[in-house]
Amino acid sequence: MQNQIFEPQHDSLSYYLSLQYPIDVYPEEHGFTVIIADLPGCMSQGKTMDEAIVNINRAKHLWLETVYATDKNSIPLP
């Protein structure tokens, strides 16, 4: 009997939305720029750190929804 490796199915958008991607924070003169490097082009800004975090979470959601709808196999894992 061969050992089988279980690989989770990544079929649902909610799976990807639940993943914790690292966020890079860059203080700027008038606020913060935030980037999720694992999701190419996913970035945002905010006047405060809290606003920047809220905005990057929205950007992450939109990024994942868009890529999921077009080619979910190209979504990188953190």
N, C-alpha and C. Protein backbone atom coordinates (compact mmCIF):
# COMPACT_ATOMS: atom_id res chain seq x y z
N MET A 1 0.84 -1.18 0.00
CA MET A 1 0.00 0.00 0.00
C MET A 1 0.89 1.24 0.00
N GLN A 2 0.63 2.15 -0.93
CA GLN A 2 1.43 3.36 -1.02
C GLN A 2 0.90 4.43 -0.08
N ASN A 3 1.83 5.20 0.46
CA ASN A 3 1.42 6.35 1.28
C ASN A 3 0.91 7.44 0.35
N GLN A 4 -0.22 7.98 0.69
CA GLN A 4 -0.78 9.07 -0.11
C GLN A 4 -0.63 10.36 0.68
N ILE A 5 -0.24 11.39 -0.02
CA ILE A 5 -0.10 12.70 0.61
C ILE A 5 -1.37 13.47 0.34
N PHE A 6 -1.96 13.98 1.41
CA PHE A 6 -3.18 14.77 1.27
C PHE A 6 -2.79 16.21 0.97
N GLU A 7 -3.32 16.73 -0.12
CA GLU A 7 -3.11 18.13 -0.47
C GLU A 7 -4.47 18.81 -0.43
N PRO A 8 -4.57 19.89 0.36
CA PRO A 8 -5.86 20.57 0.46
C PRO A 8 -6.28 21.17 -0.89
N GLN A 9 -7.55 21.17 -1.13
CA GLN A 9 -8.09 21.76 -2.34
C GLN A 9 -8.20 23.27 -2.14
N HIS A 10 -7.71 23.98 -3.11
CA HIS A 10 -7.75 25.43 -3.04
C HIS A 10 -8.80 25.94 -4.02
N ASP A 11 -9.99 25.43 -3.88
CA ASP A 11 -11.03 25.75 -4.86
C ASP A 11 -11.90 26.94 -4.50
N SER A 12 -11.90 27.34 -3.26
CA SER A 12 -12.84 28.40 -2.89
C SER A 12 -12.12 29.73 -2.69
N LEU A 13 -12.82 30.78 -3.06
CA LEU A 13 -12.30 32.13 -2.85
C LEU A 13 -12.10 32.39 -1.36
N SER A 14 -12.98 31.87 -0.54
CA SER A 14 -12.86 32.09 0.91
C SER A 14 -11.57 31.50 1.46
N TYR A 15 -11.08 30.42 0.87
CA TYR A 15 -9.80 29.85 1.30
C TYR A 15 -8.69 30.88 1.11
N TYR A 16 -8.61 31.47 -0.09
CA TYR A 16 -7.57 32.45 -0.37
C TYR A 16 -7.73 33.70 0.49
N LEU A 17 -8.96 34.13 0.69
CA LEU A 17 -9.20 35.32 1.52
C LEU A 17 -8.79 35.10 2.96
N SER A 18 -8.80 33.86 3.41
CA SER A 18 -8.45 33.57 4.81
C SER A 18 -6.94 33.50 5.04
N LEU A 19 -6.16 33.44 3.97
CA LEU A 19 -4.71 33.35 4.12
C LEU A 19 -4.13 34.66 4.64
N GLN A 20 -3.11 34.55 5.46
CA GLN A 20 -2.46 35.72 6.04
C GLN A 20 -1.20 36.04 5.24
N TYR A 21 -1.31 37.01 4.36
CA TYR A 21 -0.17 37.45 3.56
C TYR A 21 0.59 38.52 4.33
N PRO A 22 1.93 38.45 4.33
CA PRO A 22 2.71 39.49 5.00
C PRO A 22 2.50 40.85 4.32
N ILE A 23 2.47 41.89 5.14
CA ILE A 23 2.27 43.25 4.66
C ILE A 23 3.53 44.06 4.96
N ASP A 24 4.07 44.70 3.93
CA ASP A 24 5.20 45.61 4.11
C ASP A 24 4.65 47.02 4.29
N VAL A 25 5.16 47.72 5.30
CA VAL A 25 4.69 49.07 5.61
C VAL A 25 5.84 50.05 5.41
N TYR A 26 5.55 51.12 4.67
CA TYR A 26 6.55 52.15 4.41
C TYR A 26 6.02 53.50 4.88
N PRO A 27 6.58 54.05 5.95
CA PRO A 27 6.17 55.38 6.38
C PRO A 27 6.53 56.42 5.32
N GLU A 28 5.61 57.28 5.03
CA GLU A 28 5.81 58.35 4.06
C GLU A 28 5.62 59.69 4.78
N GLU A 29 5.89 60.77 4.09
CA GLU A 29 5.77 62.10 4.70
C GLU A 29 4.35 62.38 5.19
N HIS A 30 3.36 61.91 4.43
CA HIS A 30 1.96 62.20 4.79
C HIS A 30 1.14 60.95 5.01
N GLY A 31 1.74 59.90 5.58
CA GLY A 31 0.99 58.69 5.85
C GLY A 31 1.84 57.45 5.65
N PHE A 32 1.20 56.40 5.15
CA PHE A 32 1.85 55.10 5.01
C PHE A 32 1.49 54.48 3.67
N THR A 33 2.47 53.83 3.05
CA THR A 33 2.24 52.99 1.88
C THR A 33 2.36 51.55 2.36
N VAL A 34 1.43 50.70 1.94
CA VAL A 34 1.43 49.30 2.34
C VAL A 34 1.37 48.42 1.09
N ILE A 35 2.13 47.33 1.13
CA ILE A 35 2.26 46.46 -0.03
C ILE A 35 2.19 45.00 0.42
N ILE A 36 1.49 44.19 -0.34
CA ILE A 36 1.55 42.74 -0.17
C ILE A 36 2.40 42.22 -1.32
N ALA A 37 3.67 41.99 -1.06
CA ALA A 37 4.63 41.62 -2.10
C ALA A 37 4.28 40.29 -2.78
N ASP A 38 3.64 39.38 -2.05
CA ASP A 38 3.28 38.08 -2.63
C ASP A 38 2.17 38.20 -3.68
N LEU A 39 1.46 39.32 -3.68
CA LEU A 39 0.38 39.55 -4.65
C LEU A 39 0.81 40.72 -5.54
N PRO A 40 1.42 40.46 -6.67
CA PRO A 40 1.99 41.51 -7.51
C PRO A 40 1.02 42.65 -7.81
N GLY A 41 1.46 43.85 -7.47
CA GLY A 41 0.64 45.04 -7.72
C GLY A 41 -0.34 45.36 -6.62
N CYS A 42 -0.41 44.56 -5.59
CA CYS A 42 -1.37 44.80 -4.50
C CYS A 42 -0.75 45.77 -3.51
N MET A 43 -1.22 47.02 -3.57
CA MET A 43 -0.69 48.04 -2.68
C MET A 43 -1.77 49.07 -2.39
N SER A 44 -1.54 49.85 -1.34
CA SER A 44 -2.48 50.89 -0.98
C SER A 44 -1.76 51.90 -0.10
N GLN A 45 -2.51 52.88 0.37
CA GLN A 45 -1.97 53.93 1.24
C GLN A 45 -3.01 54.31 2.27
N GLY A 46 -2.57 55.06 3.27
CA GLY A 46 -3.47 55.61 4.26
C GLY A 46 -2.78 56.71 5.02
N LYS A 47 -3.56 57.66 5.52
CA LYS A 47 -3.00 58.77 6.31
C LYS A 47 -2.50 58.28 7.66
N THR A 48 -3.19 57.25 8.19
CA THR A 48 -2.77 56.65 9.46
C THR A 48 -2.48 55.17 9.21
N MET A 49 -1.80 54.55 10.16
CA MET A 49 -1.51 53.12 10.04
C MET A 49 -2.81 52.32 9.98
N ASP A 50 -3.78 52.67 10.82
CA ASP A 50 -5.07 51.95 10.81
C ASP A 50 -5.76 52.07 9.45
N GLU A 51 -5.77 53.27 8.89
CA GLU A 51 -6.40 53.48 7.58
C GLU A 51 -5.66 52.68 6.50
N ALA A 52 -4.34 52.67 6.56
CA ALA A 52 -3.55 51.92 5.58
C ALA A 52 -3.85 50.43 5.66
N ILE A 53 -4.00 49.89 6.87
CA ILE A 53 -4.30 48.46 7.04
C ILE A 53 -5.69 48.13 6.50
N VAL A 54 -6.66 48.97 6.80
CA VAL A 54 -8.01 48.77 6.26
C VAL A 54 -7.96 48.79 4.73
N ASN A 55 -7.23 49.75 4.18
CA ASN A 55 -7.16 49.88 2.72
C ASN A 55 -6.45 48.71 2.06
N ILE A 56 -5.37 48.20 2.67
CA ILE A 56 -4.66 47.08 2.05
C ILE A 56 -5.50 45.80 2.15
N ASN A 57 -6.29 45.67 3.20
CA ASN A 57 -7.17 44.50 3.29
C ASN A 57 -8.25 44.54 2.21
N ARG A 58 -8.75 45.74 1.90
CA ARG A 58 -9.70 45.89 0.79
C ARG A 58 -9.02 45.57 -0.53
N ALA A 59 -7.80 46.08 -0.70
CA ALA A 59 -7.05 45.83 -1.95
C ALA A 59 -6.77 44.33 -2.11
N LYS A 60 -6.41 43.67 -1.01
CA LYS A 60 -6.18 42.22 -1.05
C LYS A 60 -7.44 41.48 -1.50
N HIS A 61 -8.56 41.85 -0.92
CA HIS A 61 -9.84 41.22 -1.27
C HIS A 61 -10.13 41.39 -2.76
N LEU A 62 -9.99 42.61 -3.26
CA LEU A 62 -10.26 42.89 -4.67
C LEU A 62 -9.26 42.17 -5.58
N TRP A 63 -7.99 42.15 -5.18
CA TRP A 63 -6.97 41.47 -5.97
C TRP A 63 -7.32 39.99 -6.09
N LEU A 64 -7.61 39.37 -4.96
CA LEU A 64 -7.92 37.93 -4.96
C LEU A 64 -9.19 37.62 -5.74
N GLU A 65 -10.24 38.45 -5.57
CA GLU A 65 -11.48 38.24 -6.33
C GLU A 65 -11.22 38.30 -7.83
N THR A 66 -10.44 39.29 -8.25
CA THR A 66 -10.17 39.48 -9.67
C THR A 66 -9.38 38.31 -10.26
N VAL A 67 -8.31 37.93 -9.60
CA VAL A 67 -7.48 36.85 -10.11
C VAL A 67 -8.21 35.52 -10.01
N TYR A 68 -8.98 35.33 -8.95
CA TYR A 68 -9.75 34.09 -8.79
C TYR A 68 -10.73 33.93 -9.96
N ALA A 69 -11.34 35.02 -10.36
CA ALA A 69 -12.33 34.97 -11.44
C ALA A 69 -11.69 34.70 -12.80
N THR A 70 -10.41 35.06 -12.96
CA THR A 70 -9.78 34.91 -14.26
C THR A 70 -8.85 33.69 -14.34
N ASP A 71 -8.07 33.44 -13.28
CA ASP A 71 -7.13 32.32 -13.30
C ASP A 71 -6.71 31.98 -11.88
N LYS A 72 -7.57 31.27 -11.17
CA LYS A 72 -7.30 31.00 -9.76
C LYS A 72 -6.02 30.19 -9.54
N ASN A 73 -5.56 29.49 -10.56
CA ASN A 73 -4.32 28.72 -10.42
C ASN A 73 -3.08 29.59 -10.34
N SER A 74 -3.22 30.87 -10.65
CA SER A 74 -2.06 31.76 -10.59
C SER A 74 -1.99 32.55 -9.27
N ILE A 75 -2.85 32.24 -8.32
CA ILE A 75 -2.80 32.92 -7.04
C ILE A 75 -1.67 32.30 -6.21
N PRO A 76 -0.68 33.13 -5.86
CA PRO A 76 0.43 32.60 -5.05
C PRO A 76 0.03 32.44 -3.60
N LEU A 77 0.63 31.47 -2.96
CA LEU A 77 0.43 31.30 -1.52
C LEU A 77 1.44 32.17 -0.78
N PRO A 78 1.10 32.58 0.44
CA PRO A 78 2.05 33.41 1.19
C PRO A 78 3.34 32.66 1.51
